[in-house]
C-alpha atoms as a PDB file:
ATOM      1  CA  MET A   1       0.000   0.000   0.000  1.00  0.00           C
ATOM      2  CA  LYS A   2       2.848   2.339   0.844  1.00  0.00           C
ATOM      3  CA  ARG A   3       4.417   1.752  -2.561  1.00  0.00           C
ATOM      4  CA  ALA A   4       1.091   2.298  -4.320  1.00  0.00           C
ATOM      5  CA  GLY A   5       0.590   5.480  -2.322  1.00  0.00           C
ATOM      6  CA  LEU A   6       4.037   6.713  -3.347  1.00  0.00           C
ATOM      7  CA  PHE A   7       3.257   6.098  -7.032  1.00  0.00           C
ATOM      8  CA  PHE A   8      -0.024   7.974  -6.594  1.00  0.00           C
ATOM      9  CA  ILE A   9       1.736  11.003  -5.094  1.00  0.00           C
ATOM     10  CA  VAL A  10       4.418  10.972  -7.815  1.00  0.00           C
ATOM     11  CA  GLY A  11       1.682  10.765 -10.435  1.00  0.00           C
ATOM     12  CA  ILE A  12      -0.146  13.767  -8.959  1.00  0.00           C
ATOM     13  CA  MET A  13       3.104  15.758  -8.812  1.00  0.00           C
ATOM     14  CA  THR A  14       3.863  14.922 -12.447  1.00  0.00           C
ATOM     15  CA  MET A  15       0.401  16.116 -13.494  1.00  0.00           C
ATOM     16  CA  CYS A  16       0.821  19.343 -11.545  1.00  0.00           C
ATOM     17  CA  LEU A  17       4.208  19.970 -13.144  1.00  0.00           C
ATOM     18  CA  ALA A  18       2.735  19.343 -16.603  1.00  0.00           C
ATOM     19  CA  ILE A  19      -0.131  21.765 -15.920  1.00  0.00           C
ATOM     20  CA  THR A  20       2.293  24.386 -14.593  1.00  0.00           C
ATOM     21  CA  ALA A  21       4.555  23.988 -17.631  1.00  0.00           C
ATOM     22  CA  SER A  22       1.577  24.359 -19.940  1.00  0.00           C
ATOM     23  CA  ALA A  23       0.368  27.460 -18.103  1.00  0.00           C
ATOM     24  CA  ALA A  24       3.843  28.947 -18.238  1.00  0.00           C
ATOM     25  CA  GLU A  25       4.147  28.545 -22.025  1.00  0.00           C
ATOM     26  CA  LYS A  26       5.602  31.775 -23.359  1.00  0.00           C
ATOM     27  CA  VAL A  27       6.191  33.465 -26.711  1.00  0.00           C
ATOM     28  CA  THR A  28       8.186  36.611 -27.410  1.00  0.00           C
ATOM     29  CA  VAL A  29       6.867  38.682 -30.298  1.00  0.00           C
ATOM     30  CA  TYR A  30       8.412  41.546 -32.258  1.00  0.00           C
ATOM     31  CA  THR A  31       5.936  43.854 -33.990  1.00  0.00           C
ATOM     32  CA  SER A  32       5.842  47.162 -35.820  1.00  0.00           C
ATOM     33  CA  PHE A  33       2.077  47.610 -35.481  1.00  0.00           C
ATOM     34  CA  GLU A  34       1.149  51.031 -34.185  1.00  0.00           C
ATOM     35  CA  THR A  35       0.807  51.191 -30.400  1.00  0.00           C
ATOM     36  CA  ASP A  36      -2.981  51.548 -30.345  1.00  0.00           C
ATOM     37  CA  GLU A  37      -3.325  48.577 -32.682  1.00  0.00           C
ATOM     38  CA  THR A  38      -0.948  46.469 -30.636  1.00  0.00           C
ATOM     39  CA  VAL A  39      -2.943  47.092 -27.453  1.00  0.00           C
ATOM     40  CA  LYS A  40      -6.235  46.012 -29.056  1.00  0.00           C
ATOM     41  CA  TYR A  41      -4.790  42.976 -30.834  1.00  0.00           C
ATOM     42  CA  LEU A  42      -2.975  41.834 -27.712  1.00  0.00           C
ATOM     43  CA  GLU A  43      -6.191  42.034 -25.686  1.00  0.00           C
ATOM     44  CA  ALA A  44      -7.819  39.694 -28.212  1.00  0.00           C
ATOM     45  CA  ALA A  45      -4.861  37.292 -28.245  1.00  0.00           C
ATOM     46  CA  ARG A  46      -4.840  37.031 -24.453  1.00  0.00           C
ATOM     47  CA  ARG A  47      -8.603  36.589 -24.403  1.00  0.00           C
ATOM     48  CA  ASP A  48      -8.397  33.729 -26.920  1.00  0.00           C
ATOM     49  CA  MET A  49      -5.247  32.143 -25.436  1.00  0.00           C
ATOM     50  CA  PRO A  50      -5.344  32.900 -21.683  1.00  0.00           C
ATOM     51  CA  ASP A  51      -2.782  30.211 -20.878  1.00  0.00           C
ATOM     52  CA  LEU A  52      -0.145  31.665 -23.235  1.00  0.00           C
ATOM     53  CA  GLU A  53       2.226  34.295 -21.872  1.00  0.00           C
ATOM     54  CA  ILE A  54       2.748  36.804 -24.681  1.00  0.00           C
ATOM     55  CA  ASP A  55       5.672  39.192 -24.408  1.00  0.00           C
ATOM     56  CA  ILE A  56       5.343  41.981 -26.978  1.00  0.00           C
ATOM     57  CA  ILE A  57       8.183  44.260 -28.050  1.00  0.00           C
ATOM     58  CA  ARG A  58       6.964  47.079 -30.291  1.00  0.00           C
ATOM     59  CA  LEU A  59       9.483  48.863 -32.535  1.00  0.00           C
ATOM     60  CA  SER A  60       9.293  50.996 -35.673  1.00  0.00           C
ATOM     61  CA  THR A  61       9.928  49.120 -38.912  1.00  0.00           C
ATOM     62  CA  GLY A  62      13.551  50.205 -39.238  1.00  0.00           C
ATOM     63  CA  GLU A  63      14.368  49.673 -35.569  1.00  0.00           C
ATOM     64  CA  LEU A  64      12.833  46.212 -35.664  1.00  0.00           C
ATOM     65  CA  GLY A  65      14.943  45.233 -38.668  1.00  0.00           C
ATOM     66  CA  ALA A  66      18.134  46.535 -37.070  1.00  0.00           C
ATOM     67  CA  ARG A  67      17.427  44.607 -33.883  1.00  0.00           C
ATOM     68  CA  MET A  68      16.705  41.383 -35.729  1.00  0.00           C
ATOM     69  CA  MET A  69      19.925  41.690 -37.701  1.00  0.00           C
ATOM     70  CA  ALA A  70      21.935  42.337 -34.531  1.00  0.00           C
ATOM     71  CA  GLU A  71      20.391  39.214 -32.974  1.00  0.00           C
ATOM     72  CA  LYS A  72      20.684  37.039 -36.076  1.00  0.00           C
ATOM     73  CA  ASN A  73      22.878  34.397 -34.425  1.00  0.00           C
ATOM     74  CA  ASN A  74      21.000  34.488 -31.128  1.00  0.00           C
ATOM     75  CA  PRO A  75      17.387  35.585 -31.710  1.00  0.00           C
ATOM     76  CA  GLN A  76      15.681  37.051 -28.656  1.00  0.00           C
ATOM     77  CA  ALA A  77      12.191  36.720 -30.119  1.00  0.00           C
ATOM     78  CA  ASP A  78      10.208  33.832 -31.565  1.00  0.00           C
ATOM     79  CA  VAL A  79       7.817  35.592 -33.936  1.00  0.00           C
ATOM     80  CA  VAL A  80       7.612  38.678 -36.113  1.00  0.00           C
ATOM     81  CA  TRP A  81       4.017  39.930 -36.213  1.00  0.00           C
ATOM     82  CA  GLY A  82       2.665  42.605 -38.527  1.00  0.00           C
ATOM     83  CA  TRP A  83       5.917  43.608 -40.212  1.00  0.00           C
ATOM     84  CA  ALA A  84       6.068  45.069 -43.726  1.00  0.00           C
ATOM     85  CA  VAL A  85       6.447  42.499 -46.518  1.00  0.00           C
ATOM     86  CA  THR A  86       9.201  44.694 -47.980  1.00  0.00           C
ATOM     87  CA  GLY A  87      11.138  44.091 -44.767  1.00  0.00           C
ATOM     88  CA  MET A  88      10.361  40.380 -44.856  1.00  0.00           C
ATOM     89  CA  GLU A  89      11.610  40.106 -48.437  1.00  0.00           C
ATOM     90  CA  GLU A  90      14.781  41.953 -47.501  1.00  0.00           C
ATOM     91  CA  PHE A  91      15.559  39.555 -44.646  1.00  0.00           C
ATOM     92  CA  ILE A  92      14.801  36.273 -46.436  1.00  0.00           C
ATOM     93  CA  PRO A  93      18.271  36.114 -48.101  1.00  0.00           C
ATOM     94  CA  HIS A  94      19.812  36.373 -44.615  1.00  0.00           C
ATOM     95  CA  GLY A  95      18.073  33.148 -43.580  1.00  0.00           C
ATOM     96  CA  MET A  96      16.122  34.846 -40.786  1.00  0.00           C
ATOM     97  CA  PHE A  97      12.846  32.916 -41.100  1.00  0.00           C
ATOM     98  CA  GLU A  98      11.718  29.333 -40.677  1.00  0.00           C
ATOM     99  CA  PRO A  99       9.028  28.001 -43.055  1.00  0.00           C
ATOM    100  CA  TYR A 100       5.712  27.426 -41.301  1.00  0.00           C
ATOM    101  CA  GLN A 101       2.184  26.863 -42.581  1.00  0.00           C
ATOM    102  CA  PRO A 102      -0.158  28.121 -39.870  1.00  0.00           C
ATOM    103  CA  LYS A 103      -3.521  26.434 -39.499  1.00  0.00           C
ATOM    104  CA  GLY A 104      -6.010  27.972 -41.919  1.00  0.00           C
ATOM    105  CA  VAL A 105      -3.414  29.435 -44.290  1.00  0.00           C
ATOM    106  CA  ASP A 106      -5.173  27.735 -47.218  1.00  0.00           C
ATOM    107  CA  LYS A 107      -8.155  30.069 -46.645  1.00  0.00           C
ATOM    108  CA  LEU A 108      -6.098  33.224 -47.244  1.00  0.00           C
ATOM    109  CA  GLU A 109      -5.581  34.965 -50.573  1.00  0.00           C
ATOM    110  CA  LYS A 110      -2.545  33.185 -52.020  1.00  0.00           C
ATOM    111  CA  ARG A 111      -0.956  36.332 -53.449  1.00  0.00           C
ATOM    112  CA  PHE A 112      -0.260  37.481 -49.874  1.00  0.00           C
ATOM    113  CA  VAL A 113       1.420  34.233 -48.777  1.00  0.00           C
ATOM    114  CA  HIS A 114       5.090  33.519 -49.499  1.00  0.00           C
ATOM    115  CA  PRO A 115       5.334  30.495 -51.852  1.00  0.00           C
ATOM    116  CA  LYS A 116       7.592  28.690 -49.359  1.00  0.00           C
ATOM    117  CA  HIS A 117       5.603  29.924 -46.343  1.00  0.00           C
ATOM    118  CA  LEU A 118       8.438  32.035 -45.026  1.00  0.00           C
ATOM    119  CA  TYR A 119       5.850  34.698 -44.230  1.00  0.00           C
ATOM    120  CA  VAL A 120       2.075  35.050 -44.299  1.00  0.00           C
ATOM    121  CA  GLY A 121       0.427  38.384 -45.129  1.00  0.00           C
ATOM    122  CA  ILE A 122      -2.454  39.517 -42.940  1.00  0.00           C
ATOM    123  CA  ASP A 123      -3.463  43.064 -43.942  1.00  0.00           C
ATOM    124  CA  MET A 124      -2.642  46.162 -45.961  1.00  0.00           C
ATOM    125  CA  TYR A 125      -2.347  49.878 -45.296  1.00  0.00           C
ATOM    126  CA  ILE A 126      -2.248  52.779 -47.749  1.00  0.00           C
ATOM    127  CA  ALA A 127      -0.191  55.963 -47.703  1.00  0.00           C
ATOM    128  CA  ALA A 128      -2.361  59.044 -47.278  1.00  0.00           C
ATOM    129  CA  PHE A 129      -2.018  62.728 -46.499  1.00  0.00           C
ATOM    130  CA  CYS A 130      -3.554  63.997 -43.298  1.00  0.00           C
ATOM    131  CA  VAL A 131      -4.645  67.538 -44.151  1.00  0.00           C
ATOM    132  CA  ASN A 132      -5.611  70.019 -41.442  1.00  0.00           C
ATOM    133  CA  THR A 133      -8.435  72.036 -42.997  1.00  0.00           C
ATOM    134  CA  LYS A 134      -8.293  74.668 -40.258  1.00  0.00           C
ATOM    135  CA  VAL A 135      -4.608  75.368 -40.919  1.00  0.00           C
ATOM    136  CA  LEU A 136      -5.290  75.506 -44.671  1.00  0.00           C
ATOM    137  CA  GLN A 137      -7.971  78.113 -44.098  1.00  0.00           C
ATOM    138  CA  GLU A 138      -5.820  80.175 -41.736  1.00  0.00           C
ATOM    139  CA  LYS A 139      -2.874  80.132 -44.160  1.00  0.00           C
ATOM    140  CA  GLY A 140      -4.987  80.592 -47.288  1.00  0.00           C
ATOM    141  CA  LEU A 141      -3.706  77.345 -48.783  1.00  0.00           C
ATOM    142  CA  PRO A 142      -5.420  75.170 -51.420  1.00  0.00           C
ATOM    143  CA  MET A 143      -6.398  71.579 -50.670  1.00  0.00           C
ATOM    144  CA  PRO A 144      -3.546  69.450 -52.079  1.00  0.00           C
ATOM    145  CA  LYS A 145      -4.547  66.604 -54.383  1.00  0.00           C
ATOM    146  CA  GLY A 146      -1.182  64.892 -54.653  1.00  0.00           C
ATOM    147  CA  TRP A 147       2.575  65.034 -54.241  1.00  0.00           C
ATOM    148  CA  ASN A 148       3.077  67.662 -56.926  1.00  0.00           C
ATOM    149  CA  ASP A 149       0.812  70.110 -55.096  1.00  0.00           C
ATOM    150  CA  LEU A 150       3.117  69.924 -52.083  1.00  0.00           C
ATOM    151  CA  LEU A 151       5.901  71.551 -54.123  1.00  0.00           C
ATOM    152  CA  ASP A 152       3.987  74.861 -53.964  1.00  0.00           C
ATOM    153  CA  PRO A 153       6.275  77.357 -52.109  1.00  0.00           C
ATOM    154  CA  ARG A 154       3.293  78.333 -49.954  1.00  0.00           C
ATOM    155  CA  PHE A 155       3.624  74.975 -48.175  1.00  0.00           C
ATOM    156  CA  LYS A 156       7.213  75.711 -47.108  1.00  0.00           C
ATOM    157  CA  GLY A 157       7.755  74.374 -43.576  1.00  0.00           C
ATOM    158  CA  LEU A 158       4.138  73.213 -43.333  1.00  0.00           C
ATOM    159  CA  VAL A 159       4.633  69.613 -44.498  1.00  0.00           C
ATOM    160  CA  THR A 160       5.893  66.713 -42.399  1.00  0.00           C
ATOM    161  CA  MET A 161       6.541  63.099 -43.347  1.00  0.00           C
ATOM    162  CA  PRO A 162       8.107  59.961 -41.880  1.00  0.00           C
ATOM    163  CA  ASN A 163      11.822  59.272 -42.061  1.00  0.00           C
ATOM    164  CA  PRO A 164      12.069  56.269 -44.434  1.00  0.00           C
ATOM    165  CA  VAL A 165      15.140  54.913 -42.653  1.00  0.00           C
ATOM    166  CA  ALA A 166      13.122  54.315 -39.473  1.00  0.00           C
ATOM    167  CA  SER A 167       9.543  54.119 -40.730  1.00  0.00           C
ATOM    168  CA  GLY A 168       7.995  51.569 -43.069  1.00  0.00           C
ATOM    169  CA  THR A 169       5.334  54.125 -43.990  1.00  0.00           C
ATOM    170  CA  GLY A 170       8.060  56.620 -44.893  1.00  0.00           C
ATOM    171  CA  PHE A 171       9.819  54.014 -47.004  1.00  0.00           C
ATOM    172  CA  LEU A 172       6.687  53.062 -48.939  1.00  0.00           C
ATOM    173  CA  GLN A 173       6.045  56.752 -49.630  1.00  0.00           C
ATOM    174  CA  ILE A 174       9.458  57.521 -51.100  1.00  0.00           C
ATOM    175  CA  SER A 175       9.768  54.159 -52.863  1.00  0.00           C
ATOM    176  CA  SER A 176       6.412  54.753 -54.576  1.00  0.00           C
ATOM    177  CA  ILE A 177       7.662  58.177 -55.737  1.00  0.00           C
ATOM    178  CA  LEU A 178      10.921  56.697 -57.000  1.00  0.00           C
ATOM    179  CA  GLN A 179       9.060  53.983 -58.910  1.00  0.00           C
ATOM    180  CA  MET A 180       6.647  56.518 -60.405  1.00  0.00           C
ATOM    181  CA  TYR A 181       9.609  58.448 -61.781  1.00  0.00           C
ATOM    182  CA  GLY A 182      11.334  55.450 -63.319  1.00  0.00           C
ATOM    183  CA  ALA A 183      13.863  54.376 -60.684  1.00  0.00           C
ATOM    184  CA  LYS A 184      13.433  50.744 -61.740  1.00  0.00           C
ATOM    185  CA  GLU A 185      14.753  51.771 -65.157  1.00  0.00           C
ATOM    186  CA  GLY A 186      17.689  53.582 -63.583  1.00  0.00           C
ATOM    187  CA  LYS A 187      16.250  57.106 -63.820  1.00  0.00           C
ATOM    188  CA  GLU A 188      17.112  59.759 -61.232  1.00  0.00           C
ATOM    189  CA  ASP A 189      13.946  61.833 -61.701  1.00  0.00           C
ATOM    190  CA  GLY A 190      12.435  60.571 -58.457  1.00  0.00           C
ATOM    191  CA  TRP A 191      15.395  61.825 -56.436  1.00  0.00           C
ATOM    192  CA  GLU A 192      15.145  65.196 -58.135  1.00  0.00           C
ATOM    193  CA  PHE A 193      11.475  65.351 -57.151  1.00  0.00           C
ATOM    194  CA  LEU A 194      12.345  64.481 -53.541  1.00  0.00           C
ATOM    195  CA  LYS A 195      14.934  67.281 -53.485  1.00  0.00           C
ATOM    196  CA  LYS A 196      12.227  69.755 -54.519  1.00  0.00           C
ATOM    197  CA  LEU A 197       9.828  68.329 -51.932  1.00  0.00           C
ATOM    198  CA  ASP A 198      12.488  68.572 -49.225  1.00  0.00           C
ATOM    199  CA  LYS A 199      12.434  72.379 -49.521  1.00  0.00           C
ATOM    200  CA  ASN A 200       8.918  72.384 -48.043  1.00  0.00           C
ATOM    201  CA  ILE A 201       9.435  69.698 -45.387  1.00  0.00           C
ATOM    202  CA  GLY A 202       9.343  71.156 -41.892  1.00  0.00           C
ATOM    203  CA  GLN A 203      10.336  67.930 -40.151  1.00  0.00           C
ATOM    204  CA  TYR A 204      11.019  64.255 -40.831  1.00  0.00           C
ATOM    205  CA  ILE A 205       9.600  62.005 -38.089  1.00  0.00           C
ATOM    206  CA  LYS A 206      10.757  58.510 -37.053  1.00  0.00           C
ATOM    207  CA  SER A 207       7.174  57.248 -37.048  1.00  0.00           C
ATOM    208  CA  GLY A 208       4.475  56.582 -39.602  1.00  0.00           C
ATOM    209  CA  SER A 209       1.626  57.910 -37.461  1.00  0.00           C
ATOM    210  CA  ARG A 210       3.117  60.968 -35.759  1.00  0.00           C
ATOM    211  CA  PRO A 211       3.104  63.195 -38.877  1.00  0.00           C
ATOM    212  CA  ALA A 212      -0.688  62.801 -38.955  1.00  0.00           C
ATOM    213  CA  LYS A 213      -1.036  63.378 -35.206  1.00  0.00           C
ATOM    214  CA  MET A 214       1.167  66.497 -35.290  1.00  0.00           C
ATOM    215  CA  THR A 215      -0.814  67.807 -38.251  1.00  0.00           C
ATOM    216  CA  ALA A 216      -4.096  67.171 -36.439  1.00  0.00           C
ATOM    217  CA  ALA A 217      -2.721  69.188 -33.515  1.00  0.00           C
ATOM    218  CA  GLY A 218      -2.149  72.129 -35.866  1.00  0.00           C
ATOM    219  CA  GLU A 219       1.654  71.943 -36.039  1.00  0.00           C
ATOM    220  CA  PHE A 220       1.585  71.374 -39.812  1.00  0.00           C
ATOM    221  CA  ALA A 221      -0.836  71.782 -42.696  1.00  0.00           C
ATOM    222  CA  VAL A 222      -0.093  68.356 -44.239  1.00  0.00           C
ATOM    223  CA  GLY A 223       1.277  65.187 -42.699  1.00  0.00           C
ATOM    224  CA  ALA A 224       2.227  62.322 -45.003  1.00  0.00           C
ATOM    225  CA  SER A 225       1.044  59.278 -43.063  1.00  0.00           C
ATOM    226  CA  PHE A 226      -1.354  56.388 -43.679  1.00  0.00           C
ATOM    227  CA  ASP A 227      -5.063  55.681 -43.921  1.00  0.00           C
ATOM    228  CA  PHE A 228      -6.417  54.475 -40.592  1.00  0.00           C
ATOM    229  CA  VAL A 229      -4.447  56.983 -38.492  1.00  0.00           C
ATOM    230  CA  VAL A 230      -6.248  59.775 -40.351  1.00  0.00           C
ATOM    231  CA  ALA A 231      -9.563  57.946 -39.870  1.00  0.00           C
ATOM    232  CA  GLU A 232      -8.981  57.719 -36.118  1.00  0.00           C
ATOM    233  CA  LEU A 233      -8.084  61.400 -35.834  1.00  0.00           C
ATOM    234  CA  LYS A 234     -11.114  62.403 -37.860  1.00  0.00           C
ATOM    235  CA  LYS A 235     -13.327  60.232 -35.649  1.00  0.00           C
ATOM    236  CA  GLN A 236     -11.904  61.997 -32.589  1.00  0.00           C
ATOM    237  CA  GLY A 237     -13.090  65.325 -33.981  1.00  0.00           C
ATOM    238  CA  PHE A 238      -9.878  66.834 -35.317  1.00  0.00           C
ATOM    239  CA  PRO A 239     -10.281  69.129 -38.388  1.00  0.00           C
ATOM    240  CA  VAL A 240      -8.574  66.711 -40.774  1.00  0.00           C
ATOM    241  CA  GLU A 241      -9.334  65.132 -44.139  1.00  0.00           C
ATOM    242  CA  PHE A 242      -7.961  62.212 -46.173  1.00  0.00           C
ATOM    243  CA  VAL A 243      -6.042  62.861 -49.349  1.00  0.00           C
ATOM    244  CA  PHE A 244      -4.774  59.921 -51.363  1.00  0.00           C
ATOM    245  CA  PRO A 245      -2.203  61.187 -53.906  1.00  0.00           C
ATOM    246  CA  VAL A 246      -3.713  61.421 -57.375  1.00  0.00           C
ATOM    247  CA  GLU A 247      -0.415  60.228 -58.837  1.00  0.00           C
ATOM    248  CA  GLY A 248      -1.028  56.897 -57.093  1.00  0.00           C
ATOM    249  CA  ALA A 249      -0.974  55.961 -53.417  1.00  0.00           C
ATOM    250  CA  GLY A 250       1.725  53.617 -52.231  1.00  0.00           C
ATOM    251  CA  TYR A 251       0.664  50.705 -50.052  1.00  0.00           C
ATOM    252  CA  GLU A 252       2.221  47.959 -47.956  1.00  0.00           C
ATOM    253  CA  VAL A 253       1.211  44.488 -46.835  1.00  0.00           C
ATOM    254  CA  GLU A 254       1.939  43.427 -43.249  1.00  0.00           C
ATOM    255  CA  ALA A 255       2.893  39.846 -42.490  1.00  0.00           C
ATOM    256  CA  ASN A 256       3.901  37.329 -39.828  1.00  0.00           C
ATOM    257  CA  ALA A 257       6.862  34.955 -39.696  1.00  0.00           C
ATOM    258  CA  LEU A 258       8.541  32.364 -37.485  1.00  0.00           C
ATOM    259  CA  LEU A 259      12.087  33.392 -36.595  1.00  0.00           C
ATOM    260  CA  LYS A 260      14.777  30.835 -37.266  1.00  0.00           C
ATOM    261  CA  GLY A 261      16.274  29.686 -33.977  1.00  0.00           C
ATOM    262  CA  ALA A 262      13.158  30.586 -31.981  1.00  0.00           C
ATOM    263  CA  LYS A 263      13.572  29.442 -28.389  1.00  0.00           C
ATOM    264  CA  ASN A 264       9.863  28.718 -27.984  1.00  0.00           C
ATOM    265  CA  PRO A 265       8.846  27.170 -31.321  1.00  0.00           C
ATOM    266  CA  ARG A 266       5.726  25.380 -30.054  1.00  0.00           C
ATOM    267  CA  ALA A 267       4.315  28.537 -28.481  1.00  0.00           C
ATOM    268  CA  ALA A 268       5.386  30.536 -31.541  1.00  0.00           C
ATOM    269  CA  LYS A 269       3.459  28.258 -33.896  1.00  0.00           C
ATOM    270  CA  ARG A 270       0.416  28.418 -31.665  1.00  0.00           C
ATOM    271  CA  PHE A 271       0.571  32.204 -31.754  1.00  0.00           C
ATOM    272  CA  LEU A 272       0.997  32.236 -35.551  1.00  0.00           C
ATOM    273  CA  ASP A 273      -2.039  29.965 -35.917  1.00  0.00           C
ATOM    274  CA  TRP A 274      -4.095  32.437 -33.894  1.00  0.00           C
ATOM    275  CA  ALA A 275      -2.655  35.425 -35.796  1.00  0.00           C
ATOM    276  CA  ILE A 276      -4.437  34.381 -39.029  1.00  0.00           C
ATOM    277  CA  SER A 277      -7.634  33.171 -37.360  1.00  0.00           C
ATOM    278  CA  GLU A 278     -11.000  34.760 -38.036  1.00  0.00           C
ATOM    279  CA  SER A 279     -10.896  36.251 -34.542  1.00  0.00           C
ATOM    280  CA  ALA A 280      -7.573  37.985 -35.226  1.00  0.00           C
ATOM    281  CA  MET A 281      -8.621  39.109 -38.698  1.00  0.00           C
ATOM    282  CA  LYS A 282     -11.728  40.807 -37.312  1.00  0.00           C
ATOM    283  CA  GLU A 283      -9.471  42.783 -34.974  1.00  0.00           C
ATOM    284  CA  TYR A 284      -7.144  43.831 -37.824  1.00  0.00           C
ATOM    285  CA  ALA A 285     -10.136  44.920 -39.905  1.00  0.00           C
ATOM    286  CA  GLN A 286     -11.045  47.527 -37.280  1.00  0.00           C
ATOM    287  CA  PHE A 287      -7.877  49.390 -38.237  1.00  0.00           C
ATOM    288  CA  LYS A 288      -6.853  48.286 -41.719  1.00  0.00           C
ATOM    289  CA  TYR A 289      -8.147  48.809 -45.226  1.00  0.00           C
ATOM    290  CA  GLY A 290      -8.295  45.143 -45.936  1.00  0.00           C
ATOM    291  CA  VAL A 291      -7.290  41.749 -44.555  1.00  0.00           C
ATOM    292  CA  THR A 292      -6.154  38.628 -46.384  1.00  0.00           C
ATOM    293  CA  LEU A 293      -8.983  36.418 -45.130  1.00  0.00           C
ATOM    294  CA  PRO A 294     -11.915  36.836 -47.561  1.00  0.00           C
ATOM    295  CA  GLY A 295     -15.294  37.797 -46.160  1.00  0.00           C
ATOM    296  CA  ILE A 296     -14.142  40.091 -43.346  1.00  0.00           C
ATOM    297  CA  PRO A 297     -15.801  43.538 -43.700  1.00  0.00           C
ATOM    298  CA  THR A 298     -13.576  46.613 -43.564  1.00  0.00           C
ATOM    299  CA  ARG A 299     -14.087  49.883 -41.692  1.00  0.00           C
ATOM    300  CA  PRO A 300     -17.126  51.857 -42.898  1.00  0.00           C
ATOM    301  CA  ASP A 301     -15.439  55.202 -42.163  1.00  0.00           C
ATOM    302  CA  LEU A 302     -12.639  54.634 -44.671  1.00  0.00           C
ATOM    303  CA  PRO A 303     -13.103  55.690 -48.316  1.00  0.00           C
ATOM    304  CA  LYS A 304     -14.000  52.828 -50.625  1.00  0.00           C
ATOM    305  CA  LEU A 305     -10.922  51.129 -52.042  1.00  0.00           C
ATOM    306  CA  SER A 306     -12.399  51.457 -55.550  1.00  0.00           C
ATOM    307  CA  THR A 307     -12.133  55.261 -55.246  1.00  0.00           C
ATOM    308  CA  ILE A 308      -8.373  55.215 -54.588  1.00  0.00           C
ATOM    309  CA  LYS A 309      -5.724  55.013 -57.276  1.00  0.00           C
ATOM    310  CA  LEU A 310      -3.134  52.573 -55.932  1.00  0.00           C
ATOM    311  CA  TYR A 311       0.375  52.589 -57.312  1.00  0.00           C
ATOM    312  CA  PRO A 312       1.422  49.029 -58.286  1.00  0.00           C
ATOM    313  CA  MET A 313       4.197  48.540 -55.729  1.00  0.00           C
ATOM    314  CA  ASP A 314       7.038  46.155 -56.557  1.00  0.00           C
ATOM    315  CA  PHE A 315       7.924  44.685 -53.155  1.00  0.00           C
ATOM    316  CA  ALA A 316      10.782  42.539 -54.478  1.00  0.00           C
ATOM    317  CA  TRP A 317      12.419  45.593 -56.100  1.00  0.00           C
ATOM    318  CA  GLN A 318      11.925  47.611 -52.930  1.00  0.00           C
ATOM    319  CA  ALA A 319      13.514  44.899 -50.799  1.00  0.00           C
ATOM    320  CA  LYS A 320      16.459  44.455 -53.143  1.00  0.00           C
ATOM    321  CA  ASN A 321      17.153  48.190 -53.232  1.00  0.00           C
ATOM    322  CA  SER A 322      16.098  49.075 -49.706  1.00  0.00           C
ATOM    323  CA  GLU A 323      19.536  49.645 -48.193  1.00  0.00           C
ATOM    324  CA  ALA A 324      20.779  51.673 -51.158  1.00  0.00           C
ATOM    325  CA  ILE A 325      17.623  53.835 -51.126  1.00  0.00           C
ATOM    326  CA  LYS A 326      17.847  54.476 -47.388  1.00  0.00           C
ATOM    327  CA  LYS A 327      21.537  55.335 -47.509  1.00  0.00           C
ATOM    328  CA  LYS A 328      21.048  57.752 -50.381  1.00  0.00           C
ATOM    329  CA  TRP A 329      18.048  59.356 -48.686  1.00  0.00           C
ATOM    330  CA  GLU A 330      20.004  59.778 -45.456  1.00  0.00           C
ATOM    331  CA  THR A 331      22.924  61.368 -47.335  1.00  0.00           C
ATOM    332  CA  LEU A 332      20.629  63.820 -49.102  1.00  0.00           C
ATOM    333  CA  PHE A 333      17.994  64.654 -46.512  1.00  0.00           C
ATOM    334  CA  SER A 334      19.024  63.718 -42.984  1.00  0.00           C
ATOM    335  CA  LYS A 335      18.318  66.787 -40.852  1.00  0.00           C
END
């Protein structure tokens, strides 16, 4: 009986240890989602997976990339969540990601999924101007329709945009301009345009959302930013309007990936499964123009996608030329 009792106690202890280990399962996640997004998405993730400890580290696009590269041989995170596809493409040659097919990936639009499942796209955002109508009226300025209108000398010092070295939004904006002016064919016209635009830039910001927020506060007339930030500010009652450049608005797809060498691969895969679930997609759709899971409605307060002229972004070209573009921009415009 004593021996049987001992086995019973050992069995109970083993079960308790297994339960504790399961409850202590942890995943470390790098993301470049905006802070307000991250808070909402994380609430949903913890609601759906209460037994998973999720450690989120939020960085701007450029900062996230620099950190990942510095940690290449000893990754400190398990998952990249909501990072620009241009960044993903740039890091694939460095062997940074592990192929993984999250549960339900077959339901997503295939054009947003890497053919070898090195990343999975989840949503898209579009570059947009945040225009403060009150400042326009006070300064006697016309409503800009596109990038060319911002060259007007009357906008001198009244335009702000993200620094493309640190911000993915900033990078998509200048890369769309470069592509429009023939950079893929080796033309320098895009850089000449950016030099003209620079004369009216009051400040470059290391964030994709802050140019819109500073503009809403009346610090600038126009902030080059992205769609849902402007929608949020407008909803809060700020005197702002959307402007999507008539020349063509640049856009970016955000994606998830499993980091090679992840220390918590099981928890990471569980998180990545959740991150493309219907529950997660419904959360993304509250902020984004569109998600990659068909059938999820988008925000009613955003202009219809059919009304916006999108520039056909070449993500592979952007990734291949990213470092060269950023270095040249920094040489020419770093203030």
